[in-house]
Amino acid sequence: MTQELRRHFHEELNDLELEVIKMGMASQAIFEDSIRSIVNNDSSLCGRVIAADDEVDKYYLDVE
């Protein structure tokens, strides 16, 4: 029983780690796009950055 609980805990921990990594990667991409939109004065890209924030919010809620 203890081994099974430990295995399940580690599986859940690995899943959480993957979600946090995905959230970080999505955040980094949004950050880079936001800088690019400012430097290039690209309002279209800025709009996509704002819309993409929902993806990061979803990761946050899933992790929480």
N, C-alpha and C. Protein backbone atom coordinates (compact mmCIF):
# COMPACT_ATOMS: atom_id res chain seq x y z
N MET A 1 0.83 -1.20 0.00
CA MET A 1 0.00 0.00 0.00
C MET A 1 0.87 1.26 0.00
N THR A 2 1.90 1.29 0.83
CA THR A 2 2.77 2.46 0.90
C THR A 2 3.49 2.69 -0.42
N GLN A 3 3.94 1.62 -1.04
CA GLN A 3 4.63 1.74 -2.33
C GLN A 3 3.69 2.32 -3.39
N GLU A 4 2.46 1.88 -3.38
CA GLU A 4 1.46 2.37 -4.34
C GLU A 4 1.20 3.85 -4.12
N LEU A 5 1.06 4.27 -2.89
CA LEU A 5 0.86 5.70 -2.59
C LEU A 5 2.07 6.53 -3.02
N ARG A 6 3.23 6.02 -2.76
CA ARG A 6 4.46 6.72 -3.15
C ARG A 6 4.54 6.84 -4.68
N ARG A 7 4.24 5.77 -5.38
CA ARG A 7 4.26 5.79 -6.84
C ARG A 7 3.25 6.80 -7.38
N HIS A 8 2.05 6.78 -6.82
CA HIS A 8 1.01 7.72 -7.24
C HIS A 8 1.44 9.16 -6.97
N PHE A 9 2.03 9.41 -5.82
CA PHE A 9 2.52 10.75 -5.47
C PHE A 9 3.54 11.23 -6.50
N HIS A 10 4.48 10.37 -6.86
CA HIS A 10 5.52 10.76 -7.81
C HIS A 10 4.95 10.98 -9.22
N GLU A 11 3.96 10.21 -9.58
CA GLU A 11 3.31 10.42 -10.87
C GLU A 11 2.63 11.79 -10.90
N GLU A 12 1.91 12.10 -9.83
CA GLU A 12 1.24 13.40 -9.74
C GLU A 12 2.25 14.55 -9.72
N LEU A 13 3.34 14.35 -9.03
CA LEU A 13 4.39 15.36 -8.96
C LEU A 13 5.01 15.58 -10.34
N ASN A 14 5.25 14.52 -11.08
CA ASN A 14 5.78 14.64 -12.44
C ASN A 14 4.81 15.36 -13.36
N ASP A 15 3.51 15.04 -13.23
CA ASP A 15 2.50 15.73 -14.04
C ASP A 15 2.48 17.22 -13.72
N LEU A 16 2.57 17.55 -12.45
CA LEU A 16 2.59 18.95 -12.03
C LEU A 16 3.81 19.67 -12.60
N GLU A 17 4.95 19.00 -12.54
CA GLU A 17 6.18 19.59 -13.07
C GLU A 17 6.04 19.89 -14.56
N LEU A 18 5.45 18.98 -15.30
CA LEU A 18 5.25 19.20 -16.73
C LEU A 18 4.33 20.38 -16.99
N GLU A 19 3.27 20.51 -16.20
CA GLU A 19 2.34 21.63 -16.37
C GLU A 19 3.03 22.96 -16.07
N VAL A 20 3.86 22.99 -15.04
CA VAL A 20 4.58 24.21 -14.70
C VAL A 20 5.57 24.57 -15.81
N ILE A 21 6.22 23.58 -16.38
CA ILE A 21 7.15 23.82 -17.49
C ILE A 21 6.38 24.38 -18.69
N LYS A 22 5.24 23.79 -19.01
CA LYS A 22 4.42 24.29 -20.13
C LYS A 22 3.98 25.73 -19.88
N MET A 23 3.57 26.02 -18.64
CA MET A 23 3.15 27.37 -18.29
C MET A 23 4.30 28.34 -18.47
N GLY A 24 5.49 27.95 -18.04
CA GLY A 24 6.66 28.81 -18.19
C GLY A 24 7.01 29.06 -19.65
N MET A 25 6.91 28.02 -20.46
CA MET A 25 7.21 28.18 -21.88
C MET A 25 6.19 29.09 -22.55
N ALA A 26 4.92 28.93 -22.21
CA ALA A 26 3.88 29.79 -22.78
C ALA A 26 4.09 31.24 -22.32
N SER A 27 4.44 31.42 -21.06
CA SER A 27 4.69 32.76 -20.53
C SER A 27 5.88 33.42 -21.23
N GLN A 28 6.92 32.65 -21.46
CA GLN A 28 8.10 33.17 -22.13
C GLN A 28 7.76 33.59 -23.55
N ALA A 29 6.99 32.79 -24.25
CA ALA A 29 6.60 33.11 -25.63
C ALA A 29 5.77 34.39 -25.66
N ILE A 30 4.84 34.51 -24.71
CA ILE A 30 4.01 35.71 -24.65
C ILE A 30 4.86 36.94 -24.32
N PHE A 31 5.79 36.79 -23.41
CA PHE A 31 6.68 37.89 -23.06
C PHE A 31 7.49 38.35 -24.27
N GLU A 32 8.08 37.38 -24.98
CA GLU A 32 8.88 37.72 -26.16
C GLU A 32 8.02 38.40 -27.22
N ASP A 33 6.81 37.90 -27.42
CA ASP A 33 5.91 38.53 -28.39
C ASP A 33 5.51 39.93 -27.95
N SER A 34 5.32 40.11 -26.65
CA SER A 34 4.93 41.44 -26.18
C SER A 34 6.05 42.46 -26.42
N ILE A 35 7.28 42.05 -26.18
CA ILE A 35 8.41 42.94 -26.45
C ILE A 35 8.49 43.23 -27.95
N ARG A 36 8.34 42.19 -28.76
CA ARG A 36 8.39 42.35 -30.21
C ARG A 36 7.28 43.29 -30.69
N SER A 37 6.09 43.17 -30.09
CA SER A 37 4.98 44.03 -30.51
C SER A 37 5.25 45.50 -30.17
N ILE A 38 5.94 45.75 -29.06
CA ILE A 38 6.28 47.12 -28.68
C ILE A 38 7.38 47.67 -29.59
N VAL A 39 8.44 46.88 -29.77
CA VAL A 39 9.57 47.32 -30.60
C VAL A 39 9.12 47.61 -32.03
N ASN A 40 8.25 46.76 -32.56
CA ASN A 40 7.81 46.90 -33.95
C ASN A 40 6.51 47.69 -34.10
N ASN A 41 5.99 48.18 -32.97
CA ASN A 41 4.73 48.92 -32.97
C ASN A 41 3.65 48.14 -33.72
N ASP A 42 3.54 46.86 -33.36
CA ASP A 42 2.64 45.93 -34.05
C ASP A 42 1.40 45.69 -33.19
N SER A 43 0.35 46.44 -33.48
CA SER A 43 -0.87 46.33 -32.67
C SER A 43 -1.57 44.98 -32.87
N SER A 44 -1.41 44.39 -34.04
CA SER A 44 -2.00 43.08 -34.29
C SER A 44 -1.36 42.02 -33.39
N LEU A 45 -0.03 42.04 -33.30
CA LEU A 45 0.67 41.11 -32.41
C LEU A 45 0.30 41.38 -30.96
N CYS A 46 0.16 42.64 -30.62
CA CYS A 46 -0.24 43.00 -29.26
C CYS A 46 -1.60 42.36 -28.91
N GLY A 47 -2.51 42.39 -29.85
CA GLY A 47 -3.82 41.77 -29.64
C GLY A 47 -3.71 40.26 -29.44
N ARG A 48 -2.80 39.63 -30.17
CA ARG A 48 -2.60 38.18 -30.01
C ARG A 48 -1.96 37.87 -28.66
N VAL A 49 -1.09 38.76 -28.19
CA VAL A 49 -0.48 38.58 -26.87
C VAL A 49 -1.56 38.62 -25.79
N ILE A 50 -2.43 39.59 -25.90
CA ILE A 50 -3.51 39.72 -24.91
C ILE A 50 -4.40 38.47 -24.93
N ALA A 51 -4.73 38.00 -26.11
CA ALA A 51 -5.57 36.80 -26.22
C ALA A 51 -4.85 35.56 -25.68
N ALA A 52 -3.54 35.49 -25.89
CA ALA A 52 -2.78 34.32 -25.45
C ALA A 52 -2.66 34.24 -23.93
N ASP A 53 -2.90 35.35 -23.26
CA ASP A 53 -2.82 35.35 -21.80
C ASP A 53 -3.82 34.37 -21.18
N ASP A 54 -4.91 34.12 -21.87
CA ASP A 54 -5.90 33.15 -21.36
C ASP A 54 -5.28 31.76 -21.23
N GLU A 55 -4.37 31.42 -22.12
CA GLU A 55 -3.70 30.12 -22.06
C GLU A 55 -2.88 30.00 -20.78
N VAL A 56 -2.15 31.05 -20.45
CA VAL A 56 -1.34 31.03 -19.22
C VAL A 56 -2.26 31.00 -18.00
N ASP A 57 -3.34 31.75 -18.05
CA ASP A 57 -4.30 31.73 -16.95
C ASP A 57 -4.86 30.32 -16.73
N LYS A 58 -5.11 29.60 -17.82
CA LYS A 58 -5.63 28.24 -17.70
C LYS A 58 -4.61 27.33 -17.03
N TYR A 59 -3.34 27.45 -17.45
CA TYR A 59 -2.28 26.66 -16.80
C TYR A 59 -2.25 26.97 -15.30
N TYR A 60 -2.33 28.25 -14.97
CA TYR A 60 -2.27 28.66 -13.57
C TYR A 60 -3.40 28.01 -12.78
N LEU A 61 -4.59 28.05 -13.33
CA LEU A 61 -5.74 27.46 -12.62
C LEU A 61 -5.60 25.95 -12.51
N ASP A 62 -5.07 25.31 -13.55
CA ASP A 62 -4.86 23.86 -13.50
C ASP A 62 -3.85 23.47 -12.44
N VAL A 63 -2.79 24.27 -12.32
CA VAL A 63 -1.73 23.98 -11.36
C VAL A 63 -2.21 24.24 -9.94
N GLU A 64 -2.99 25.30 -9.81
CA GLU A 64 -3.47 25.68 -8.48
C GLU A 64 -4.33 24.58 -7.94
